[in-house]
Amino acid sequence: MSRSPGSARLRGPLAALAAAAAAAGYVLAVRPRLLNWGASSQEAAGPLPGDELVRTPRMQSTRAVTINSPAAGIWPWLLQLGAGRGGMYSYDLLENAAGLGMHSADRILPDYQQLGVGDVIPLGPDVGIPVRRLETAAVLALGGTMDPRTGKITPSRGAAASPRLELGWTFVLQPVDEHTTRLLTRTRYDYSPLPVGLILRPVLEPVQFLMERRMLLGIKSLAEGRGRYQCGPRRP
């Protein structure tokens, strides 16, 4: 049976309406859960140390997990973050498929417990993110200016560099009581020119959610002494 000309004319507008509804559903319902996974509304909206690295972000996420450990028991896992160090406690297989060389540790590594402002945490071959703020057992803030064309990150904003991505990535430990801690992560981005964001948002936000959620749960498992969170092959 052939369709009427009227129904054929409606297909285009109905498809556009369905696409618009799906996009609105993502923006209103799904995206806030990705950006603020595990965080309370107060944690997501409130200021955190490290916000000063990107003062006027176009993109921001806040994620959190409760860990049954004092902050001092979580801090060593953060200090050894990085490729060739303690890894990222996330999906090693996915990271290594991108050639990052991640091998997440299942123990504290004494050789990687020294970290200072200005040090660079490696994220892969020839790519790293500088430490910008460090408060023992409280704040580890990373950030700088990335050239999206190369992935290189420098500690400060380059003169009139474009395109560019200003980024801040902060880990904050907030004690609940002497045996319990909230671990929060906050990322903030600014970018130039504006089309850079149109490319970054649909790719960066879901991928970052996937990897960072796994990281938080991995750190929680390790700090609570429950062994590996299947972050990848064991280190020798």
Foldseek 3Di string as FASTA:
>chain_A
DDDDPVVVVVPVVVVVVVVVVVVVCCVPPVLLCLQEPQHDPCQFPDDDPFCVLPVDFPDKGKYKDKAQAQLLLLQLLVQQDAAVTQFLLFAPVVLVVVQARGDHALDRDVVRRDDDAQDWGYRGVPETWGFHDDDGSFKTKTWAKADVVPNHGDRYDDDVDPFIKTKMWMWGWADPDRRMIMIMIMMGIDGPDPVVCVVCVVPPSVVCSNGVVSSNVQSSCSSNPVTGPCNDDYDD
